[in-house]
Protein backbone atom coordinates (compact mmCIF):
# COMPACT_ATOMS: atom_id res chain seq x y z
CA UNK A 1 0.19 0.29 -0.38
CA UNK A 2 1.29 3.00 -1.07
CA UNK A 3 -0.33 6.18 0.46
CA UNK A 4 -3.33 4.95 0.08
CA UNK A 5 -5.36 3.09 3.09
CA UNK A 6 -8.50 0.10 2.41
CA UNK A 7 -10.59 -0.31 5.19
CA UNK A 8 -10.67 -3.28 6.81
CA UNK A 9 -12.36 -3.97 9.72
CA UNK A 10 -9.92 -2.32 12.41
CA UNK A 11 -11.63 1.41 10.53
CA UNK A 12 -14.52 2.61 10.42
CA UNK A 13 -15.32 3.15 6.56
CA UNK A 14 -16.40 6.81 5.89
CA UNK A 15 -19.99 7.13 4.65
CA UNK A 16 -19.72 9.80 2.41
CA UNK A 17 -16.24 9.44 0.56
CA UNK A 18 -18.40 6.13 -1.26
CA UNK A 19 -20.58 8.23 -4.18
CA UNK A 20 -22.82 5.43 -5.64
CA UNK A 21 -23.22 7.55 -9.54
CA UNK A 22 -27.48 7.23 -10.41
CA UNK A 23 -28.19 5.58 -13.57
CA UNK A 24 -28.45 6.79 -16.62
CA UNK A 25 -31.17 5.13 -17.98
CA UNK A 26 -33.61 5.60 -14.54
CA UNK A 27 -36.65 7.94 -15.75
CA UNK A 28 -38.30 9.09 -12.51
CA UNK A 29 -42.20 8.43 -13.49
CA UNK A 30 -44.87 10.47 -13.25
CA UNK A 31 -48.13 9.06 -13.00
CA UNK A 32 -49.89 11.74 -15.74
CA UNK A 33 -53.52 10.31 -15.91
CA UNK A 34 -53.84 10.42 -12.13
CA UNK A 35 -52.23 13.68 -12.23
CA UNK A 36 -55.40 14.16 -14.55
CA UNK A 37 -58.06 12.36 -13.38
CA UNK A 38 -57.37 15.14 -9.66
CA UNK A 39 -57.00 17.74 -11.97
CA UNK A 40 -61.33 17.09 -12.94
CA UNK A 41 -62.25 15.97 -9.30
CA UNK A 42 -60.87 19.77 -7.97
CA UNK A 43 -62.61 21.20 -11.49
CA UNK A 44 -66.49 19.43 -10.27
CA UNK A 45 -65.78 20.25 -7.25
CA UNK A 46 -64.77 24.27 -7.51
CA UNK A 47 -67.98 24.41 -10.63
CA UNK A 48 -70.57 22.46 -8.38
CA UNK A 49 -69.13 25.65 -5.12
CA UNK A 50 -69.68 27.64 -7.88
CA UNK A 51 -73.72 26.59 -9.15
CA UNK A 52 -73.96 26.46 -5.11
CA UNK A 53 -72.97 29.98 -5.10
CA UNK A 54 -75.21 31.45 -7.66
CA UNK A 55 -78.09 29.31 -6.31
CA UNK A 56 -77.83 31.18 -3.01
CA UNK A 57 -77.31 34.17 -4.39
CA UNK A 58 -80.39 34.17 -6.45
CA UNK A 59 -82.27 32.95 -3.79
CA UNK A 60 -80.93 35.86 -1.80
CA UNK A 61 -79.76 34.40 0.72
CA UNK A 62 -76.87 36.41 2.56
CA UNK A 63 -75.02 34.89 5.88
């Protein structure tokens, strides 16, 4: 051994010194269908509340 020390059972290994390179082919999964359904659900919820608001205004109900 010249200039470098290899870890053995007696010396602790510094976990910061070990770097694992991420795979270049790894892609993050993006649930496009779920996002679309969630947007539709939120839009429907907003439209339903707006319709209730308009009905209450037309009847003259105030809080």
